[in-house]
Amino acid sequence: MEEPKKYKRMVVKQTMNKNKKRKKNKTGHGSGLLQMKVRRLQILIPGGQRCNHPDLLLSKTLDYIVHMKLKLRILKALSDMYSL
């Protein structure tokens, strides 16, 4: 038994709408996922919310990582020194 033409049109229309939505999410400047990750990074890095330019935020992030690694090394050295 064949399905009505109206139903076929609805299925085709829904499929086309889904394809349009997928294309919108994959292309364009500053995708939503990237913006969300940048906002999270701005929250994690001290002073990151004042960084409006991505290069400045990246620089602050690298400085913060180096600072945290240095702090970890110092604390580990102190811990090893007093654990003997």
PDB file of N, CA and C in Angstrom:
ATOM      1  N   MET A   1       0.840  -1.185   0.000  1.00  0.00           N
ATOM      2  CA  MET A   1       0.000   0.000   0.000  1.00  0.00           C
ATOM      3  C   MET A   1       0.881   1.243   0.000  1.00  0.00           C
ATOM      4  N   GLU A   2       0.563   2.176  -0.849  1.00  0.00           N
ATOM      5  CA  GLU A   2       1.371   3.373  -1.023  1.00  0.00           C
ATOM      6  C   GLU A   2       0.953   4.452  -0.018  1.00  0.00           C
ATOM      7  N   GLU A   3       1.958   5.186   0.486  1.00  0.00           N
ATOM      8  CA  GLU A   3       1.680   6.239   1.454  1.00  0.00           C
ATOM      9  C   GLU A   3       1.151   7.486   0.746  1.00  0.00           C
ATOM     10  N   PRO A   4       0.346   8.268   1.422  1.00  0.00           N
ATOM     11  CA  PRO A   4      -0.188   9.478   0.792  1.00  0.00           C
ATOM     12  C   PRO A   4       0.931  10.466   0.436  1.00  0.00           C
ATOM     13  N   LYS A   5       0.682  11.274  -0.600  1.00  0.00           N
ATOM     14  CA  LYS A   5       1.679  12.244  -1.064  1.00  0.00           C
ATOM     15  C   LYS A   5       1.981  13.297   0.001  1.00  0.00           C
ATOM     16  N   LYS A   6       0.979  13.655   0.772  1.00  0.00           N
ATOM     17  CA  LYS A   6       1.168  14.665   1.804  1.00  0.00           C
ATOM     18  C   LYS A   6       2.213  14.189   2.827  1.00  0.00           C
ATOM     19  N   TYR A   7       2.144  12.924   3.201  1.00  0.00           N
ATOM     20  CA  TYR A   7       3.094  12.355   4.161  1.00  0.00           C
ATOM     21  C   TYR A   7       4.505  12.374   3.573  1.00  0.00           C
ATOM     22  N   LYS A   8       4.635  12.015   2.301  1.00  0.00           N
ATOM     23  CA  LYS A   8       5.951  12.007   1.652  1.00  0.00           C
ATOM     24  C   LYS A   8       6.549  13.406   1.634  1.00  0.00           C
ATOM     25  N   ARG A   9       5.718  14.411   1.354  1.00  0.00           N
ATOM     26  CA  ARG A   9       6.208  15.798   1.344  1.00  0.00           C
ATOM     27  C   ARG A   9       6.698  16.217   2.730  1.00  0.00           C
ATOM     28  N   MET A  10       5.971  15.804   3.758  1.00  0.00           N
ATOM     29  CA  MET A  10       6.357  16.158   5.124  1.00  0.00           C
ATOM     30  C   MET A  10       7.707  15.535   5.481  1.00  0.00           C
ATOM     31  N   VAL A  11       7.921  14.280   5.093  1.00  0.00           N
ATOM     32  CA  VAL A  11       9.175  13.594   5.393  1.00  0.00           C
ATOM     33  C   VAL A  11      10.325  14.276   4.666  1.00  0.00           C
ATOM     34  N   VAL A  12      10.139  14.612   3.402  1.00  0.00           N
ATOM     35  CA  VAL A  12      11.175  15.280   2.623  1.00  0.00           C
ATOM     36  C   VAL A  12      11.487  16.648   3.228  1.00  0.00           C
ATOM     37  N   LYS A  13      10.458  17.382   3.630  1.00  0.00           N
ATOM     38  CA  LYS A  13      10.647  18.705   4.203  1.00  0.00           C
ATOM     39  C   LYS A  13      11.420  18.615   5.525  1.00  0.00           C
ATOM     40  N   GLN A  14      11.100  17.654   6.369  1.00  0.00           N
ATOM     41  CA  GLN A  14      11.801  17.483   7.642  1.00  0.00           C
ATOM     42  C   GLN A  14      13.258  17.129   7.403  1.00  0.00           C
ATOM     43  N   THR A  15      13.529  16.280   6.437  1.00  0.00           N
ATOM     44  CA  THR A  15      14.901  15.887   6.126  1.00  0.00           C
ATOM     45  C   THR A  15      15.699  17.086   5.640  1.00  0.00           C
ATOM     46  N   MET A  16      15.087  17.925   4.817  1.00  0.00           N
ATOM     47  CA  MET A  16      15.772  19.111   4.318  1.00  0.00           C
ATOM     48  C   MET A  16      16.082  20.077   5.458  1.00  0.00           C
ATOM     49  N   ASN A  17      15.148  20.252   6.387  1.00  0.00           N
ATOM     50  CA  ASN A  17      15.379  21.133   7.524  1.00  0.00           C
ATOM     51  C   ASN A  17      16.530  20.636   8.398  1.00  0.00           C
ATOM     52  N   LYS A  18      16.604  19.328   8.604  1.00  0.00           N
ATOM     53  CA  LYS A  18      17.694  18.761   9.399  1.00  0.00           C
ATOM     54  C   LYS A  18      19.031  19.006   8.725  1.00  0.00           C
ATOM     55  N   ASN A  19      19.079  18.845   7.396  1.00  0.00           N
ATOM     56  CA  ASN A  19      20.322  19.074   6.661  1.00  0.00           C
ATOM     57  C   ASN A  19      20.756  20.530   6.754  1.00  0.00           C
ATOM     58  N   LYS A  20      19.814  21.448   6.704  1.00  0.00           N
ATOM     59  CA  LYS A  20      20.142  22.870   6.816  1.00  0.00           C
ATOM     60  C   LYS A  20      20.724  23.176   8.192  1.00  0.00           C
ATOM     61  N   LYS A  21      20.141  22.603   9.238  1.00  0.00           N
ATOM     62  CA  LYS A  21      20.630  22.832  10.596  1.00  0.00           C
ATOM     63  C   LYS A  21      22.043  22.294  10.755  1.00  0.00           C
ATOM     64  N   ARG A  22      22.317  21.136  10.202  1.00  0.00           N
ATOM     65  CA  ARG A  22      23.657  20.558  10.303  1.00  0.00           C
ATOM     66  C   ARG A  22      24.680  21.446   9.621  1.00  0.00           C
ATOM     67  N   LYS A  23      24.350  21.963   8.466  1.00  0.00           N
ATOM     68  CA  LYS A  23      25.283  22.819   7.746  1.00  0.00           C
ATOM     69  C   LYS A  23      25.564  24.096   8.517  1.00  0.00           C
ATOM     70  N   LYS A  24      24.562  24.651   9.156  1.00  0.00           N
ATOM     71  CA  LYS A  24      24.762  25.878   9.916  1.00  0.00           C
ATOM     72  C   LYS A  24      25.716  25.665  11.067  1.00  0.00           C
ATOM     73  N   ASN A  25      25.653  24.521  11.725  1.00  0.00           N
ATOM     74  CA  ASN A  25      26.511  24.254  12.868  1.00  0.00           C
ATOM     75  C   ASN A  25      27.954  23.989  12.459  1.00  0.00           C
ATOM     76  N   LYS A  26      28.172  23.460  11.265  1.00  0.00           N
ATOM     77  CA  LYS A  26      29.525  23.111  10.855  1.00  0.00           C
ATOM     78  C   LYS A  26      30.283  24.286  10.265  1.00  0.00           C
ATOM     79  N   THR A  27      29.603  25.249   9.721  1.00  0.00           N
ATOM     80  CA  THR A  27      30.281  26.350   9.060  1.00  0.00           C
ATOM     81  C   THR A  27      30.003  27.654   9.785  1.00  0.00           C
ATOM     82  N   GLY A  28      30.698  28.672   9.362  1.00  0.00           N
ATOM     83  CA  GLY A  28      30.467  29.988   9.937  1.00  0.00           C
ATOM     84  C   GLY A  28      31.633  30.418  10.791  1.00  0.00           C
ATOM     85  N   HIS A  29      31.635  31.679  11.114  1.00  0.00           N
ATOM     86  CA  HIS A  29      32.714  32.246  11.906  1.00  0.00           C
ATOM     87  C   HIS A  29      32.391  32.083  13.383  1.00  0.00           C
ATOM     88  N   GLY A  30      33.353  31.572  14.147  1.00  0.00           N
ATOM     89  CA  GLY A  30      33.175  31.442  15.589  1.00  0.00           C
ATOM     90  C   GLY A  30      32.045  30.510  15.954  1.00  0.00           C
ATOM     91  N   SER A  31      32.241  29.238  15.737  1.00  0.00           N
ATOM     92  CA  SER A  31      31.178  28.288  16.051  1.00  0.00           C
ATOM     93  C   SER A  31      30.836  28.351  17.533  1.00  0.00           C
ATOM     94  N   GLY A  32      29.653  27.922  17.877  1.00  0.00           N
ATOM     95  CA  GLY A  32      29.181  27.970  19.253  1.00  0.00           C
ATOM     96  C   GLY A  32      30.041  27.139  20.192  1.00  0.00           C
ATOM     97  N   LEU A  33      30.536  26.010  19.716  1.00  0.00           N
ATOM     98  CA  LEU A  33      31.370  25.151  20.543  1.00  0.00           C
ATOM     99  C   LEU A  33      32.687  25.847  20.890  1.00  0.00           C
ATOM    100  N   LEU A  34      33.277  26.502  19.917  1.00  0.00           N
ATOM    101  CA  LEU A  34      34.529  27.219  20.156  1.00  0.00           C
ATOM    102  C   LEU A  34      34.314  28.364  21.137  1.00  0.00           C
ATOM    103  N   GLN A  35      33.241  29.105  20.970  1.00  0.00           N
ATOM    104  CA  GLN A  35      32.943  30.210  21.882  1.00  0.00           C
ATOM    105  C   GLN A  35      32.723  29.709  23.299  1.00  0.00           C
ATOM    106  N   MET A  36      32.070  28.564  23.442  1.00  0.00           N
ATOM    107  CA  MET A  36      31.834  27.997  24.765  1.00  0.00           C
ATOM    108  C   MET A  36      33.159  27.600  25.416  1.00  0.00           C
ATOM    109  N   LYS A  37      34.068  27.027  24.649  1.00  0.00           N
ATOM    110  CA  LYS A  37      35.370  26.637  25.188  1.00  0.00           C
ATOM    111  C   LYS A  37      36.190  27.855  25.583  1.00  0.00           C
ATOM    112  N   VAL A  38      36.117  28.907  24.801  1.00  0.00           N
ATOM    113  CA  VAL A  38      36.843  30.135  25.133  1.00  0.00           C
ATOM    114  C   VAL A  38      36.294  30.730  26.428  1.00  0.00           C
ATOM    115  N   ARG A  39      34.989  30.731  26.596  1.00  0.00           N
ATOM    116  CA  ARG A  39      34.391  31.249  27.833  1.00  0.00           C
ATOM    117  C   ARG A  39      34.820  30.438  29.045  1.00  0.00           C
ATOM    118  N   ARG A  40      34.858  29.116  28.902  1.00  0.00           N
ATOM    119  CA  ARG A  40      35.312  28.262  30.008  1.00  0.00           C
ATOM    120  C   ARG A  40      36.760  28.570  30.364  1.00  0.00           C
ATOM    121  N   LEU A  41      37.590  28.740  29.344  1.00  0.00           N
ATOM    122  CA  LEU A  41      38.992  29.055  29.570  1.00  0.00           C
ATOM    123  C   LEU A  41      39.135  30.414  30.249  1.00  0.00           C
ATOM    124  N   GLN A  42      38.330  31.372  29.842  1.00  0.00           N
ATOM    125  CA  GLN A  42      38.373  32.688  30.472  1.00  0.00           C
ATOM    126  C   GLN A  42      38.029  32.600  31.953  1.00  0.00           C
ATOM    127  N   ILE A  43      37.147  31.689  32.321  1.00  0.00           N
ATOM    128  CA  ILE A  43      36.764  31.536  33.720  1.00  0.00           C
ATOM    129  C   ILE A  43      37.891  30.863  34.506  1.00  0.00           C
ATOM    130  N   LEU A  44      38.558  29.882  33.907  1.00  0.00           N
ATOM    131  CA  LEU A  44      39.599  29.131  34.599  1.00  0.00           C
ATOM    132  C   LEU A  44      40.875  29.930  34.835  1.00  0.00           C
ATOM    133  N   ILE A  45      41.250  30.766  33.885  1.00  0.00           N
ATOM    134  CA  ILE A  45      42.505  31.510  33.960  1.00  0.00           C
ATOM    135  C   ILE A  45      42.286  32.806  34.731  1.00  0.00           C
ATOM    136  N   PRO A  46      43.105  33.062  35.767  1.00  0.00           N
ATOM    137  CA  PRO A  46      42.979  34.334  36.498  1.00  0.00           C
ATOM    138  C   PRO A  46      43.209  35.519  35.558  1.00  0.00           C
ATOM    139  N   GLY A  47      42.286  36.450  35.553  1.00  0.00           N
ATOM    140  CA  GLY A  47      42.366  37.611  34.668  1.00  0.00           C
ATOM    141  C   GLY A  47      41.939  37.309  33.246  1.00  0.00           C
ATOM    142  N   GLY A  48      41.448  36.121  32.988  1.00  0.00           N
ATOM    143  CA  GLY A  48      41.066  35.720  31.636  1.00  0.00           C
ATOM    144  C   GLY A  48      39.818  36.418  31.128  1.00  0.00           C
ATOM    145  N   GLN A  49      38.953  36.835  32.032  1.00  0.00           N
ATOM    146  CA  GLN A  49      37.710  37.487  31.594  1.00  0.00           C
ATOM    147  C   GLN A  49      37.976  38.876  31.025  1.00  0.00           C
ATOM    148  N   ARG A  50      39.136  39.432  31.342  1.00  0.00           N
ATOM    149  CA  ARG A  50      39.482  40.747  30.782  1.00  0.00           C
ATOM    150  C   ARG A  50      40.113  40.623  29.407  1.00  0.00           C
ATOM    151  N   CYS A  51      40.464  39.394  29.002  1.00  0.00           N
ATOM    152  CA  CYS A  51      41.114  39.164  27.708  1.00  0.00           C
ATOM    153  C   CYS A  51      40.068  39.082  26.611  1.00  0.00           C
ATOM    154  N   ASN A  52      40.069  40.065  25.752  1.00  0.00           N
ATOM    155  CA  ASN A  52      39.107  40.071  24.656  1.00  0.00           C
ATOM    156  C   ASN A  52      39.678  39.467  23.386  1.00  0.00           C
ATOM    157  N   HIS A  53      40.987  39.412  23.299  1.00  0.00           N
ATOM    158  CA  HIS A  53      41.628  38.908  22.093  1.00  0.00           C
ATOM    159  C   HIS A  53      42.126  37.482  22.337  1.00  0.00           C
ATOM    160  N   PRO A  54      41.882  36.552  21.410  1.00  0.00           N
ATOM    161  CA  PRO A  54      42.287  35.154  21.611  1.00  0.00           C
ATOM    162  C   PRO A  54      43.790  34.977  21.831  1.00  0.00           C
ATOM    163  N   ASP A  55      44.619  35.779  21.154  1.00  0.00           N
ATOM    164  CA  ASP A  55      46.065  35.658  21.335  1.00  0.00           C
ATOM    165  C   ASP A  55      46.473  36.012  22.758  1.00  0.00           C
ATOM    166  N   LEU A  56      45.862  37.037  23.307  1.00  0.00           N
ATOM    167  CA  LEU A  56      46.156  37.443  24.675  1.00  0.00           C
ATOM    168  C   LEU A  56      45.705  36.366  25.663  1.00  0.00           C
ATOM    169  N   LEU A  57      44.552  35.777  25.421  1.00  0.00           N
ATOM    170  CA  LEU A  57      44.056  34.703  26.287  1.00  0.00           C
ATOM    171  C   LEU A  57      44.984  33.495  26.217  1.00  0.00           C
ATOM    172  N   LEU A  58      45.458  33.153  25.034  1.00  0.00           N
ATOM    173  CA  LEU A  58      46.380  32.034  24.879  1.00  0.00           C
ATOM    174  C   LEU A  58      47.691  32.311  25.615  1.00  0.00           C
ATOM    175  N   SER A  59      48.184  33.517  25.504  1.00  0.00           N
ATOM    176  CA  SER A  59      49.416  33.902  26.197  1.00  0.00           C
ATOM    177  C   SER A  59      49.247  33.793  27.711  1.00  0.00           C
ATOM    178  N   LYS A  60      48.131  34.300  28.223  1.00  0.00           N
ATOM    179  CA  LYS A  60      47.855  34.208  29.660  1.00  0.00           C
ATOM    180  C   LYS A  60      47.729  32.752  30.101  1.00  0.00           C
ATOM    181  N   THR A  61      47.133  31.929  29.266  1.00  0.00           N
ATOM    182  CA  THR A  61      46.978  30.512  29.585  1.00  0.00           C
ATOM    183  C   THR A  61      48.336  29.831  29.685  1.00  0.00           C
ATOM    184  N   LEU A  62      49.215  30.105  28.728  1.00  0.00           N
ATOM    185  CA  LEU A  62      50.548  29.511  28.760  1.00  0.00           C
ATOM    186  C   LEU A  62      51.324  29.968  29.991  1.00  0.00           C
ATOM    187  N   ASP A  63      51.240  31.246  30.319  1.00  0.00           N
ATOM    188  CA  ASP A  63      51.914  31.758  31.516  1.00  0.00           C
ATOM    189  C   ASP A  63      51.374  31.089  32.776  1.00  0.00           C
ATOM    190  N   TYR A  64      50.073  30.896  32.828  1.00  0.00           N
ATOM    191  CA  TYR A  64      49.454  30.277  33.991  1.00  0.00           C
ATOM    192  C   TYR A  64      49.893  28.816  34.134  1.00  0.00           C
ATOM    193  N   ILE A  65      49.992  28.099  33.018  1.00  0.00           N
ATOM    194  CA  ILE A  65      50.435  26.701  33.052  1.00  0.00           C
ATOM    195  C   ILE A  65      51.872  26.620  33.561  1.00  0.00           C
ATOM    196  N   VAL A  66      52.744  27.493  33.051  1.00  0.00           N
ATOM    197  CA  VAL A  66      54.137  27.506  33.505  1.00  0.00           C
ATOM    198  C   VAL A  66      54.196  27.825  34.996  1.00  0.00           C
ATOM    199  N   HIS A  67      53.415  28.792  35.428  1.00  0.00           N
ATOM    200  CA  HIS A  67      53.380  29.171  36.843  1.00  0.00           C
ATOM    201  C   HIS A  67      52.923  28.004  37.713  1.00  0.00           C
ATOM    202  N   MET A  68      51.900  27.300  37.294  1.00  0.00           N
ATOM    203  CA  MET A  68      51.390  26.172  38.071  1.00  0.00           C
ATOM    204  C   MET A  68      52.396  25.013  38.115  1.00  0.00           C
ATOM    205  N   LYS A  69      53.092  24.770  36.998  1.00  0.00           N
ATOM    206  CA  LYS A  69      54.116  23.717  36.989  1.00  0.00           C
ATOM    207  C   LYS A  69      55.253  24.060  37.948  1.00  0.00           C
ATOM    208  N   LEU A  70      55.683  25.315  37.953  1.00  0.00           N
ATOM    209  CA  LEU A  70      56.737  25.750  38.855  1.00  0.00           C
ATOM    210  C   LEU A  70      56.301  25.615  40.310  1.00  0.00           C
ATOM    211  N   LYS A  71      55.079  26.003  40.582  1.00  0.00           N
ATOM    212  CA  LYS A  71      54.537  25.893  41.935  1.00  0.00           C
ATOM    213  C   LYS A  71      54.490  24.423  42.380  1.00  0.00           C
ATOM    214  N   LEU A  72      54.092  23.545  41.484  1.00  0.00           N
ATOM    215  CA  LEU A  72      54.037  22.123  41.784  1.00  0.00           C
ATOM    216  C   LEU A  72      55.425  21.568  42.089  1.00  0.00           C
ATOM    217  N   ARG A  73      56.424  21.970  41.302  1.00  0.00           N
ATOM    218  CA  ARG A  73      57.791  21.506  41.531  1.00  0.00           C
ATOM    219  C   ARG A  73      58.307  21.968  42.890  1.00  0.00           C
ATOM    220  N   ILE A  74      58.005  23.208  43.253  1.00  0.00           N
ATOM    221  CA  ILE A  74      58.457  23.734  44.548  1.00  0.00           C
ATOM    222  C   ILE A  74      57.786  22.972  45.684  1.00  0.00           C
ATOM    223  N   LEU A  75      56.485  22.773  45.601  1.00  0.00           N
ATOM    224  CA  LEU A  75      55.778  22.062  46.652  1.00  0.00           C
ATOM    225  C   LEU A  75      56.238  20.617  46.771  1.00  0.00           C
ATOM    226  N   LYS A  76      56.517  19.993  45.626  1.00  0.00           N
ATOM    227  CA  LYS A  76      57.002  18.614  45.659  1.00  0.00           C
ATOM    228  C   LYS A  76      58.389  18.555  46.302  1.00  0.00           C
ATOM    229  N   ALA A  77      59.248  19.507  45.983  1.00  0.00           N
ATOM    230  CA  ALA A  77      60.590  19.552  46.583  1.00  0.00           C
ATOM    231  C   ALA A  77      60.492  19.754  48.089  1.00  0.00           C
ATOM    232  N   LEU A  78      59.618  20.637  48.523  1.00  0.00           N
ATOM    233  CA  LEU A  78      59.426  20.858  49.968  1.00  0.00           C
ATOM    234  C   LEU A  78      58.881  19.602  50.654  1.00  0.00           C
ATOM    235  N   SER A  79      57.960  18.941  49.991  1.00  0.00           N
ATOM    236  CA  SER A  79      57.391  17.725  50.547  1.00  0.00           C
ATOM    237  C   SER A  79      58.448  16.636  50.684  1.00  0.00           C
ATOM    238  N   ASP A  80      59.278  16.487  49.641  1.00  0.00           N
ATOM    239  CA  ASP A  80      60.350  15.484  49.696  1.00  0.00           C
ATOM    240  C   ASP A  80      61.374  15.813  50.772  1.00  0.00           C
ATOM    241  N   MET A  81      61.635  17.081  50.965  1.00  0.00           N
ATOM    242  CA  MET A  81      62.623  17.505  51.953  1.00  0.00           C
ATOM    243  C   MET A  81      62.152  17.194  53.365  1.00  0.00           C
ATOM    244  N   TYR A  82      60.885  17.396  53.651  1.00  0.00           N
ATOM    245  CA  TYR A  82      60.374  17.195  55.010  1.00  0.00           C
ATOM    246  C   TYR A  82      59.875  15.770  55.268  1.00  0.00           C
ATOM    247  N   SER A  83      59.761  14.952  54.237  1.00  0.00           N
ATOM    248  CA  SER A  83      59.273  13.581  54.443  1.00  0.00           C
ATOM    249  C   SER A  83      60.399  12.632  54.876  1.00  0.00           C
ATOM    250  N   LEU A  84      61.634  13.065  54.802  1.00  0.00           N
ATOM    251  CA  LEU A  84      62.766  12.200  55.212  1.00  0.00           C
ATOM    252  C   LEU A  84      62.856  12.120  56.661  1.00  0.00           C
TER     253      LEU A  84
END
